[in-house]
Amino acid sequence: MTTAKRYATFRDFYPFYLSEHANRTCRRLHFAGTSIGLACLVTALVTRNPWWVLAGLVAGYLCAWIGHFFFEKNRPATFTYPLYSFMGDWVMWRDILARRITL
């Protein structure tokens, strides 16, 4: 059994994160899930209903995990690197918006 590599910084982790998202459909699902999560967060703030935050987290992770299990066929990094993976979702989302990463 091999142990997972530990990353000291997010900067070191992000190239690994991107390598785990090589499949275009997986990236699209991540982008959609993160966008839905953001919309739910805005709705929670506007309506002052915290249940929208939970809905956003569920929708975001569901989309991402479908992408990994059915399209990328790998184990989501969130299980090993929860904080860095959450950060990676947002950085990848930004990079897709900026067209540094293609959908």
PDB file of N, CA and C in Angstrom:
ATOM      1  N   MET A   1       0.842  -1.170   0.000  1.00  0.00           N
ATOM      2  CA  MET A   1       0.000   0.000   0.000  1.00  0.00           C
ATOM      3  C   MET A   1       0.892   1.239   0.000  1.00  0.00           C
ATOM      4  N   THR A   2       0.587   2.182  -0.904  1.00  0.00           N
ATOM      5  CA  THR A   2       1.372   3.405  -0.979  1.00  0.00           C
ATOM      6  C   THR A   2       0.670   4.517  -0.220  1.00  0.00           C
ATOM      7  N   THR A   3       1.450   5.401   0.325  1.00  0.00           N
ATOM      8  CA  THR A   3       0.866   6.532   1.034  1.00  0.00           C
ATOM      9  C   THR A   3       0.759   7.705   0.073  1.00  0.00           C
ATOM     10  N   ALA A   4      -0.268   8.526   0.284  1.00  0.00           N
ATOM     11  CA  ALA A   4      -0.477   9.682  -0.567  1.00  0.00           C
ATOM     12  C   ALA A   4       0.610  10.718  -0.315  1.00  0.00           C
ATOM     13  N   LYS A   5       1.014  11.373  -1.392  1.00  0.00           N
ATOM     14  CA  LYS A   5       2.002  12.444  -1.255  1.00  0.00           C
ATOM     15  C   LYS A   5       1.364  13.593  -0.478  1.00  0.00           C
ATOM     16  N   ARG A   6       2.124  14.189   0.416  1.00  0.00           N
ATOM     17  CA  ARG A   6       1.643  15.340   1.183  1.00  0.00           C
ATOM     18  C   ARG A   6       2.178  16.598   0.528  1.00  0.00           C
ATOM     19  N   TYR A   7       1.316  17.548   0.309  1.00  0.00           N
ATOM     20  CA  TYR A   7       1.700  18.818  -0.308  1.00  0.00           C
ATOM     21  C   TYR A   7       1.804  19.884   0.772  1.00  0.00           C
ATOM     22  N   ALA A   8       2.915  20.594   0.769  1.00  0.00           N
ATOM     23  CA  ALA A   8       3.163  21.613   1.788  1.00  0.00           C
ATOM     24  C   ALA A   8       2.429  22.911   1.490  1.00  0.00           C
ATOM     25  N   THR A   9       2.201  23.178   0.189  1.00  0.00           N
ATOM     26  CA  THR A   9       1.527  24.414  -0.191  1.00  0.00           C
ATOM     27  C   THR A   9       0.483  24.130  -1.259  1.00  0.00           C
ATOM     28  N   PHE A  10      -0.465  25.040  -1.367  1.00  0.00           N
ATOM     29  CA  PHE A  10      -1.465  24.922  -2.430  1.00  0.00           C
ATOM     30  C   PHE A  10      -0.803  25.047  -3.793  1.00  0.00           C
ATOM     31  N   ARG A  11       0.208  25.882  -3.896  1.00  0.00           N
ATOM     32  CA  ARG A  11       0.928  26.052  -5.165  1.00  0.00           C
ATOM     33  C   ARG A  11       1.513  24.726  -5.642  1.00  0.00           C
ATOM     34  N   ASP A  12       2.017  23.919  -4.724  1.00  0.00           N
ATOM     35  CA  ASP A  12       2.541  22.596  -5.075  1.00  0.00           C
ATOM     36  C   ASP A  12       1.416  21.626  -5.427  1.00  0.00           C
ATOM     37  N   PHE A  13       0.273  21.793  -4.775  1.00  0.00           N
ATOM     38  CA  PHE A  13      -0.862  20.884  -4.956  1.00  0.00           C
ATOM     39  C   PHE A  13      -1.602  21.113  -6.271  1.00  0.00           C
ATOM     40  N   TYR A  14      -1.723  22.360  -6.707  1.00  0.00           N
ATOM     41  CA  TYR A  14      -2.598  22.682  -7.837  1.00  0.00           C
ATOM     42  C   TYR A  14      -2.247  21.934  -9.136  1.00  0.00           C
ATOM     43  N   PRO A  15      -0.987  21.762  -9.521  1.00  0.00           N
ATOM     44  CA  PRO A  15      -0.716  20.951 -10.721  1.00  0.00           C
ATOM     45  C   PRO A  15      -1.242  19.520 -10.584  1.00  0.00           C
ATOM     46  N   PHE A  16      -1.102  18.928  -9.392  1.00  0.00           N
ATOM     47  CA  PHE A  16      -1.681  17.600  -9.163  1.00  0.00           C
ATOM     48  C   PHE A  16      -3.193  17.657  -9.324  1.00  0.00           C
ATOM     49  N   TYR A  17      -3.823  18.670  -8.748  1.00  0.00           N
ATOM     50  CA  TYR A  17      -5.273  18.842  -8.839  1.00  0.00           C
ATOM     51  C   TYR A  17      -5.714  18.890 -10.303  1.00  0.00           C
ATOM     52  N   LEU A  18      -5.005  19.677 -11.108  1.00  0.00           N
ATOM     53  CA  LEU A  18      -5.361  19.770 -12.526  1.00  0.00           C
ATOM     54  C   LEU A  18      -5.178  18.435 -13.242  1.00  0.00           C
ATOM     55  N   SER A  19      -4.162  17.680 -12.875  1.00  0.00           N
ATOM     56  CA  SER A  19      -3.944  16.378 -13.511  1.00  0.00           C
ATOM     57  C   SER A  19      -5.081  15.403 -13.201  1.00  0.00           C
ATOM     58  N   GLU A  20      -5.745  15.621 -12.084  1.00  0.00           N
ATOM     59  CA  GLU A  20      -6.882  14.779 -11.698  1.00  0.00           C
ATOM     60  C   GLU A  20      -8.178  15.216 -12.385  1.00  0.00           C
ATOM     61  N   HIS A  21      -8.093  16.248 -13.224  1.00  0.00           N
ATOM     62  CA  HIS A  21      -9.258  16.789 -13.927  1.00  0.00           C
ATOM     63  C   HIS A  21      -8.969  16.908 -15.423  1.00  0.00           C
ATOM     64  N   ALA A  22      -8.351  15.891 -15.979  1.00  0.00           N
ATOM     65  CA  ALA A  22      -7.994  15.906 -17.397  1.00  0.00           C
ATOM     66  C   ALA A  22      -9.208  15.686 -18.297  1.00  0.00           C
ATOM     67  N   ASN A  23     -10.217  14.984 -17.806  1.00  0.00           N
ATOM     68  CA  ASN A  23     -11.409  14.689 -18.589  1.00  0.00           C
ATOM     69  C   ASN A  23     -12.281  15.937 -18.710  1.00  0.00           C
ATOM     70  N   ARG A  24     -12.632  16.270 -19.926  1.00  0.00           N
ATOM     71  CA  ARG A  24     -13.416  17.488 -20.189  1.00  0.00           C
ATOM     72  C   ARG A  24     -14.783  17.469 -19.503  1.00  0.00           C
ATOM     73  N   THR A  25     -15.460  16.340 -19.518  1.00  0.00           N
ATOM     74  CA  THR A  25     -16.774  16.250 -18.875  1.00  0.00           C
ATOM     75  C   THR A  25     -16.651  16.435 -17.374  1.00  0.00           C
ATOM     76  N   CYS A  26     -15.605  15.897 -16.788  1.00  0.00           N
ATOM     77  CA  CYS A  26     -15.367  16.087 -15.354  1.00  0.00           C
ATOM     78  C   CYS A  26     -15.171  17.570 -15.048  1.00  0.00           C
ATOM     79  N   ARG A  27     -14.371  18.260 -15.855  1.00  0.00           N
ATOM     80  CA  ARG A  27     -14.169  19.703 -15.645  1.00  0.00           C
ATOM     81  C   ARG A  27     -15.478  20.467 -15.799  1.00  0.00           C
ATOM     82  N   ARG A  28     -16.277  20.089 -16.776  1.00  0.00           N
ATOM     83  CA  ARG A  28     -17.571  20.754 -16.987  1.00  0.00           C
ATOM     84  C   ARG A  28     -18.489  20.550 -15.788  1.00  0.00           C
ATOM     85  N   LEU A  29     -18.498  19.337 -15.265  1.00  0.00           N
ATOM     86  CA  LEU A  29     -19.332  19.066 -14.086  1.00  0.00           C
ATOM     87  C   LEU A  29     -18.839  19.848 -12.876  1.00  0.00           C
ATOM     88  N   HIS A  30     -17.535  19.955 -12.723  1.00  0.00           N
ATOM     89  CA  HIS A  30     -16.974  20.767 -11.637  1.00  0.00           C
ATOM     90  C   HIS A  30     -17.388  22.225 -11.788  1.00  0.00           C
ATOM     91  N   PHE A  31     -17.276  22.735 -13.006  1.00  0.00           N
ATOM     92  CA  PHE A  31     -17.635  24.130 -13.252  1.00  0.00           C
ATOM     93  C   PHE A  31     -19.110  24.365 -12.951  1.00  0.00           C
ATOM     94  N   ALA A  32     -19.957  23.452 -13.409  1.00  0.00           N
ATOM     95  CA  ALA A  32     -21.392  23.579 -13.144  1.00  0.00           C
ATOM     96  C   ALA A  32     -21.678  23.493 -11.647  1.00  0.00           C
ATOM     97  N   GLY A  33     -21.083  22.532 -10.976  1.00  0.00           N
ATOM     98  CA  GLY A  33     -21.320  22.363  -9.546  1.00  0.00           C
ATOM     99  C   GLY A  33     -20.851  23.560  -8.738  1.00  0.00           C
ATOM    100  N   THR A  34     -19.694  24.107  -9.084  1.00  0.00           N
ATOM    101  CA  THR A  34     -19.181  25.277  -8.376  1.00  0.00           C
ATOM    102  C   THR A  34     -20.070  26.489  -8.647  1.00  0.00           C
ATOM    103  N   SER A  35     -20.553  26.621  -9.876  1.00  0.00           N
ATOM    104  CA  SER A  35     -21.458  27.722 -10.213  1.00  0.00           C
ATOM    105  C   SER A  35     -22.777  27.603  -9.456  1.00  0.00           C
ATOM    106  N   ILE A  36     -23.313  26.398  -9.372  1.00  0.00           N
ATOM    107  CA  ILE A  36     -24.545  26.170  -8.607  1.00  0.00           C
ATOM    108  C   ILE A  36     -24.296  26.489  -7.135  1.00  0.00           C
ATOM    109  N   GLY A  37     -23.161  26.045  -6.626  1.00  0.00           N
ATOM    110  CA  GLY A  37     -22.812  26.339  -5.236  1.00  0.00           C
ATOM    111  C   GLY A  37     -22.748  27.834  -4.971  1.00  0.00           C
ATOM    112  N   LEU A  38     -22.163  28.590  -5.897  1.00  0.00           N
ATOM    113  CA  LEU A  38     -22.082  30.043  -5.757  1.00  0.00           C
ATOM    114  C   LEU A  38     -23.482  30.660  -5.798  1.00  0.00           C
ATOM    115  N   ALA A  39     -24.317  30.199  -6.710  1.00  0.00           N
ATOM    116  CA  ALA A  39     -25.691  30.707  -6.789  1.00  0.00           C
ATOM    117  C   ALA A  39     -26.455  30.422  -5.499  1.00  0.00           C
ATOM    118  N   CYS A  40     -26.248  29.255  -4.929  1.00  0.00           N
ATOM    119  CA  CYS A  40     -26.903  28.911  -3.664  1.00  0.00           C
ATOM    120  C   CYS A  40     -26.396  29.782  -2.523  1.00  0.00           C
ATOM    121  N   LEU A  41     -25.093  30.082  -2.520  1.00  0.00           N
ATOM    122  CA  LEU A  41     -24.547  30.964  -1.482  1.00  0.00           C
ATOM    123  C   LEU A  41     -25.159  32.360  -1.583  1.00  0.00           C
ATOM    124  N   VAL A  42     -25.253  32.886  -2.792  1.00  0.00           N
ATOM    125  CA  VAL A  42     -25.873  34.202  -2.988  1.00  0.00           C
ATOM    126  C   VAL A  42     -27.335  34.157  -2.539  1.00  0.00           C
ATOM    127  N   THR A  43     -28.041  33.091  -2.883  1.00  0.00           N
ATOM    128  CA  THR A  43     -29.439  32.945  -2.467  1.00  0.00           C
ATOM    129  C   THR A  43     -29.547  32.892  -0.947  1.00  0.00           C
ATOM    130  N   ALA A  44     -28.621  32.201  -0.299  1.00  0.00           N
ATOM    131  CA  ALA A  44     -28.629  32.129   1.168  1.00  0.00           C
ATOM    132  C   ALA A  44     -28.452  33.510   1.781  1.00  0.00           C
ATOM    133  N   LEU A  45     -27.568  34.306   1.199  1.00  0.00           N
ATOM    134  CA  LEU A  45     -27.333  35.648   1.717  1.00  0.00           C
ATOM    135  C   LEU A  45     -28.540  36.557   1.494  1.00  0.00           C
ATOM    136  N   VAL A  46     -29.136  36.454   0.312  1.00  0.00           N
ATOM    137  CA  VAL A  46     -30.285  37.307  -0.022  1.00  0.00           C
ATOM    138  C   VAL A  46     -31.510  36.934   0.802  1.00  0.00           C
ATOM    139  N   THR A  47     -31.765  35.630   0.943  1.00  0.00           N
ATOM    140  CA  THR A  47     -32.968  35.172   1.649  1.00  0.00           C
ATOM    141  C   THR A  47     -32.744  34.990   3.142  1.00  0.00           C
ATOM    142  N   ARG A  48     -31.473  35.066   3.541  1.00  0.00           N
ATOM    143  CA  ARG A  48     -31.093  34.794   4.939  1.00  0.00           C
ATOM    144  C   ARG A  48     -31.555  33.412   5.398  1.00  0.00           C
ATOM    145  N   ASN A  49     -31.503  32.483   4.461  1.00  0.00           N
ATOM    146  CA  ASN A  49     -31.879  31.099   4.733  1.00  0.00           C
ATOM    147  C   ASN A  49     -30.633  30.225   4.585  1.00  0.00           C
ATOM    148  N   PRO A  50     -30.045  29.785   5.719  1.00  0.00           N
ATOM    149  CA  PRO A  50     -28.789  29.024   5.656  1.00  0.00           C
ATOM    150  C   PRO A  50     -28.916  27.659   4.993  1.00  0.00           C
ATOM    151  N   TRP A  51     -30.112  27.163   4.804  1.00  0.00           N
ATOM    152  CA  TRP A  51     -30.275  25.869   4.138  1.00  0.00           C
ATOM    153  C   TRP A  51     -29.744  25.911   2.708  1.00  0.00           C
ATOM    154  N   TRP A  52     -29.734  27.098   2.099  1.00  0.00           N
ATOM    155  CA  TRP A  52     -29.182  27.228   0.752  1.00  0.00           C
ATOM    156  C   TRP A  52     -27.695  26.917   0.716  1.00  0.00           C
ATOM    157  N   VAL A  53     -26.995  27.193   1.796  1.00  0.00           N
ATOM    158  CA  VAL A  53     -25.559  26.868   1.858  1.00  0.00           C
ATOM    159  C   VAL A  53     -25.386  25.352   1.778  1.00  0.00           C
ATOM    160  N   LEU A  54     -26.188  24.636   2.542  1.00  0.00           N
ATOM    161  CA  LEU A  54     -26.136  23.169   2.493  1.00  0.00           C
ATOM    162  C   LEU A  54     -26.493  22.663   1.098  1.00  0.00           C
ATOM    163  N   ALA A  55     -27.530  23.239   0.504  1.00  0.00           N
ATOM    164  CA  ALA A  55     -27.925  22.834  -0.851  1.00  0.00           C
ATOM    165  C   ALA A  55     -26.786  23.059  -1.837  1.00  0.00           C
ATOM    166  N   GLY A  56     -26.087  24.176  -1.695  1.00  0.00           N
ATOM    167  CA  GLY A  56     -24.971  24.475  -2.580  1.00  0.00           C
ATOM    168  C   GLY A  56     -23.819  23.496  -2.427  1.00  0.00           C
ATOM    169  N   LEU A  57     -23.513  23.149  -1.194  1.00  0.00           N
ATOM    170  CA  LEU A  57     -22.443  22.172  -0.951  1.00  0.00           C
ATOM    171  C   LEU A  57     -22.814  20.805  -1.526  1.00  0.00           C
ATOM    172  N   VAL A  58     -24.048  20.383  -1.298  1.00  0.00           N
ATOM    173  CA  VAL A  58     -24.494  19.084  -1.807  1.00  0.00           C
ATOM    174  C   VAL A  58     -24.456  19.073  -3.333  1.00  0.00           C
ATOM    175  N   ALA A  59     -25.011  20.104  -3.952  1.00  0.00           N
ATOM    176  CA  ALA A  59     -25.044  20.162  -5.419  1.00  0.00           C
ATOM    177  C   ALA A  59     -23.631  20.216  -6.001  1.00  0.00           C
ATOM    178  N   GLY A  60     -22.784  21.034  -5.401  1.00  0.00           N
ATOM    179  CA  GLY A  60     -21.421  21.162  -5.908  1.00  0.00           C
ATOM    180  C   GLY A  60     -20.640  19.871  -5.833  1.00  0.00           C
ATOM    181  N   TYR A  61     -20.676  19.240  -4.665  1.00  0.00           N
ATOM    182  CA  TYR A  61     -19.925  17.998  -4.513  1.00  0.00           C
ATOM    183  C   TYR A  61     -20.543  16.855  -5.311  1.00  0.00           C
ATOM    184  N   LEU A  62     -21.859  16.826  -5.436  1.00  0.00           N
ATOM    185  CA  LEU A  62     -22.499  15.779  -6.228  1.00  0.00           C
ATOM    186  C   LEU A  62     -22.038  15.854  -7.685  1.00  0.00           C
ATOM    187  N   CYS A  63     -22.054  17.042  -8.249  1.00  0.00           N
ATOM    188  CA  CYS A  63     -21.577  17.203  -9.632  1.00  0.00           C
ATOM    189  C   CYS A  63     -20.121  16.776  -9.763  1.00  0.00           C
ATOM    190  N   ALA A  64     -19.292  17.220  -8.843  1.00  0.00           N
ATOM    191  CA  ALA A  64     -17.863  16.894  -8.902  1.00  0.00           C
ATOM    192  C   ALA A  64     -17.630  15.392  -8.781  1.00  0.00           C
ATOM    193  N   TRP A  65     -18.300  14.765  -7.835  1.00  0.00           N
ATOM    194  CA  TRP A  65     -18.077  13.336  -7.626  1.00  0.00           C
ATOM    195  C   TRP A  65     -18.621  12.499  -8.775  1.00  0.00           C
ATOM    196  N   ILE A  66     -19.706  12.924  -9.395  1.00  0.00           N
ATOM    197  CA  ILE A  66     -20.181  12.229 -10.603  1.00  0.00           C
ATOM    198  C   ILE A  66     -19.102  12.316 -11.678  1.00  0.00           C
ATOM    199  N   GLY A  67     -18.507  13.487 -11.819  1.00  0.00           N
ATOM    200  CA  GLY A  67     -17.435  13.654 -12.797  1.00  0.00           C
ATOM    201  C   GLY A  67     -16.263  12.729 -12.547  1.00  0.00           C
ATOM    202  N   HIS A  68     -15.886  12.586 -11.289  1.00  0.00           N
ATOM    203  CA  HIS A  68     -14.745  11.722 -10.968  1.00  0.00           C
ATOM    204  C   HIS A  68     -15.079  10.243 -11.114  1.00  0.00           C
ATOM    205  N   PHE A  69     -16.190   9.807 -10.551  1.00  0.00           N
ATOM    206  CA  PHE A  69     -16.490   8.379 -10.541  1.00  0.00           C
ATOM    207  C   PHE A  69     -16.890   7.842 -11.908  1.00  0.00           C
ATOM    208  N   PHE A  70     -17.606   8.639 -12.723  1.00  0.00           N
ATOM    209  CA  PHE A  70     -18.126   8.129 -13.990  1.00  0.00           C
ATOM    210  C   PHE A  70     -17.345   8.576 -15.219  1.00  0.00           C
ATOM    211  N   PHE A  71     -16.626   9.673 -15.143  1.00  0.00           N
ATOM    212  CA  PHE A  71     -15.935  10.174 -16.324  1.00  0.00           C
ATOM    213  C   PHE A  71     -14.413  10.162 -16.158  1.00  0.00           C
ATOM    214  N   GLU A  72     -13.925  10.725 -15.088  1.00  0.00           N
ATOM    215  CA  GLU A  72     -12.484  10.749 -14.844  1.00  0.00           C
ATOM    216  C   GLU A  72     -12.001   9.377 -14.373  1.00  0.00           C
ATOM    217  N   LYS A  73     -12.890   8.650 -13.710  1.00  0.00           N
ATOM    218  CA  LYS A  73     -12.613   7.309 -13.174  1.00  0.00           C
ATOM    219  C   LYS A  73     -11.440   7.325 -12.189  1.00  0.00           C
ATOM    220  N   ASN A  74     -11.488   8.298 -11.276  1.00  0.00           N
ATOM    221  CA  ASN A  74     -10.492   8.361 -10.215  1.00  0.00           C
ATOM    222  C   ASN A  74     -11.175   8.752  -8.903  1.00  0.00           C
ATOM    223  N   ARG A  75     -10.423   8.706  -7.865  1.00  0.00           N
ATOM    224  CA  ARG A  75     -10.944   9.035  -6.533  1.00  0.00           C
ATOM    225  C   ARG A  75     -10.796  10.541  -6.323  1.00  0.00           C
ATOM    226  N   PRO A  76     -11.876  11.231  -5.962  1.00  0.00           N
ATOM    227  CA  PRO A  76     -11.763  12.676  -5.761  1.00  0.00           C
ATOM    228  C   PRO A  76     -10.685  13.030  -4.735  1.00  0.00           C
ATOM    229  N   ALA A  77      -9.894  14.030  -5.067  1.00  0.00           N
ATOM    230  CA  ALA A  77      -8.825  14.476  -4.168  1.00  0.00           C
ATOM    231  C   ALA A  77      -9.378  15.029  -2.867  1.00  0.00           C
ATOM    232  N   THR A  78     -10.647  15.363  -2.858  1.00  0.00           N
ATOM    233  CA  THR A  78     -11.259  15.938  -1.655  1.00  0.00           C
ATOM    234  C   THR A  78     -11.214  14.974  -0.475  1.00  0.00           C
ATOM    235  N   PHE A  79     -11.129  13.683  -0.755  1.00  0.00           N
ATOM    236  CA  PHE A  79     -11.068  12.703   0.325  1.00  0.00           C
ATOM    237  C   PHE A  79      -9.716  12.732   1.040  1.00  0.00           C
ATOM    238  N   THR A  80      -8.673  13.114   0.321  1.00  0.00           N
ATOM    239  CA  THR A  80      -7.329  13.162   0.892  1.00  0.00           C
ATOM    240  C   THR A  80      -6.903  14.581   1.246  1.00  0.00           C
ATOM    241  N   TYR A  81      -7.336  15.535   0.444  1.00  0.00           N
ATOM    242  CA  TYR A  81      -6.937  16.943   0.608  1.00  0.00           C
ATOM    243  C   TYR A  81      -8.185  17.834   0.604  1.00  0.00           C
ATOM    244  N   PRO A  82      -9.000  17.783   1.636  1.00  0.00           N
ATOM    245  CA  PRO A  82     -10.282  18.522   1.588  1.00  0.00           C
ATOM    246  C   PRO A  82     -10.139  20.032   1.395  1.00  0.00           C
ATOM    247  N   LEU A  83      -9.249  20.677   2.123  1.00  0.00           N
ATOM    248  CA  LEU A  83      -9.118  22.129   1.994  1.00  0.00           C
ATOM    249  C   LEU A  83      -8.494  22.517   0.659  1.00  0.00           C
ATOM    250  N   TYR A  84      -7.400  21.873   0.293  1.00  0.00           N
ATOM    251  CA  TYR A  84      -6.755  22.193  -0.976  1.00  0.00           C
ATOM    252  C   TYR A  84      -7.679  21.888  -2.158  1.00  0.00           C
ATOM    253  N   SER A  85      -8.469  20.834  -2.068  1.00  0.00           N
ATOM    254  CA  SER A  85      -9.399  20.504  -3.149  1.00  0.00           C
ATOM    255  C   SER A  85     -10.489  21.552  -3.274  1.00  0.00           C
ATOM    256  N   PHE A  86     -11.007  22.021  -2.143  1.00  0.00           N
ATOM    257  CA  PHE A  86     -12.018  23.075  -2.162  1.00  0.00           C
ATOM    258  C   PHE A  86     -11.423  24.337  -2.806  1.00  0.00           C
ATOM    259  N   MET A  87     -10.210  24.665  -2.418  1.00  0.00           N
ATOM    260  CA  MET A  87      -9.529  25.818  -3.014  1.00  0.00           C
ATOM    261  C   MET A  87      -9.296  25.582  -4.511  1.00  0.00           C
ATOM    262  N   GLY A  88      -8.916  24.360  -4.859  1.00  0.00           N
ATOM    263  CA  GLY A  88      -8.667  24.019  -6.257  1.00  0.00           C
ATOM    264  C   GLY A  88      -9.900  24.171  -7.121  1.00  0.00           C
ATOM    265  N   ASP A  89     -11.069  23.819  -6.571  1.00  0.00           N
ATOM    266  CA  ASP A  89     -12.318  24.000  -7.317  1.00  0.00           C
ATOM    267  C   ASP A  89     -12.496  25.451  -7.727  1.00  0.00           C
ATOM    268  N   TRP A  90     -12.262  26.346  -6.768  1.00  0.00           N
ATOM    269  CA  TRP A  90     -12.473  27.777  -7.042  1.00  0.00           C
ATOM    270  C   TRP A  90     -11.411  28.341  -7.964  1.00  0.00           C
ATOM    271  N   VAL A  91     -10.169  27.896  -7.827  1.00  0.00           N
ATOM    272  CA  VAL A  91      -9.115  28.376  -8.721  1.00  0.00           C
ATOM    273  C   VAL A  91      -9.360  27.850 -10.138  1.00  0.00           C
ATOM    274  N   MET A  92      -9.750  26.578 -10.264  1.00  0.00           N
ATOM    275  CA  MET A  92     -10.047  26.022 -11.582  1.00  0.00           C
ATOM    276  C   MET A  92     -11.252  26.739 -12.193  1.00  0.00           C
ATOM    277  N   TRP A  93     -12.267  27.035 -11.382  1.00  0.00           N
ATOM    278  CA  TRP A  93     -13.454  27.764 -11.850  1.00  0.00           C
ATOM    279  C   TRP A  93     -13.032  29.126 -12.410  1.00  0.00           C
ATOM    280  N   ARG A  94     -12.181  29.832 -11.665  1.00  0.00           N
ATOM    281  CA  ARG A  94     -11.672  31.129 -12.112  1.00  0.00           C
ATOM    282  C   ARG A  94     -10.859  30.978 -13.400  1.00  0.00           C
ATOM    283  N   ASP A  95     -10.014  29.945 -13.459  1.00  0.00           N
ATOM    284  CA  ASP A  95      -9.186  29.735 -14.639  1.00  0.00           C
ATOM    285  C   ASP A  95     -10.036  29.381 -15.861  1.00  0.00           C
ATOM    286  N   ILE A  96     -11.144  28.693 -15.661  1.00  0.00           N
ATOM    287  CA  ILE A  96     -12.061  28.402 -16.772  1.00  0.00           C
ATOM    288  C   ILE A  96     -12.725  29.695 -17.235  1.00  0.00           C
ATOM    289  N   LEU A  97     -13.177  30.518 -16.291  1.00  0.00           N
ATOM    290  CA  LEU A  97     -13.773  31.807 -16.657  1.00  0.00           C
ATOM    291  C   LEU A  97     -12.782  32.685 -17.419  1.00  0.00           C
ATOM    292  N   ALA A  98     -11.524  32.645 -17.004  1.00  0.00           N
ATOM    293  CA  ALA A  98     -10.473  33.451 -17.647  1.00  0.00           C
ATOM    294  C   ALA A  98      -9.956  32.796 -18.930  1.00  0.00           C
ATOM    295  N   ARG A  99     -10.490  31.635 -19.256  1.00  0.00           N
ATOM    296  CA  ARG A  99     -10.113  30.868 -20.453  1.00  0.00           C
ATOM    297  C   ARG A  99      -8.674  30.385 -20.451  1.00  0.00           C
ATOM    298  N   ARG A 100      -8.134  30.190 -19.248  1.00  0.00           N
ATOM    299  CA  ARG A 100      -6.808  29.554 -19.124  1.00  0.00           C
ATOM    300  C   ARG A 100      -6.939  28.035 -19.208  1.00  0.00           C
ATOM    301  N   ILE A 101      -8.148  27.554 -18.897  1.00  0.00           N
ATOM    302  CA  ILE A 101      -8.481  26.131 -18.981  1.00  0.00           C
ATOM    303  C   ILE A 101      -9.721  26.022 -19.869  1.00  0.00           C
ATOM    304  N   THR A 102      -9.704  25.085 -20.802  1.00  0.00           N
ATOM    305  CA  THR A 102     -10.848  24.937 -21.716  1.00  0.00           C
ATOM    306  C   THR A 102     -11.879  23.978 -21.170  1.00  0.00           C
ATOM    307  N   LEU A 103     -13.123  24.263 -21.529  1.00  0.00           N
ATOM    308  CA  LEU A 103     -14.217  23.359 -21.180  1.00  0.00           C
ATOM    309  C   LEU A 103     -14.563  22.473 -22.339  1.00  0.00           C
TER     310      LEU A 103
END
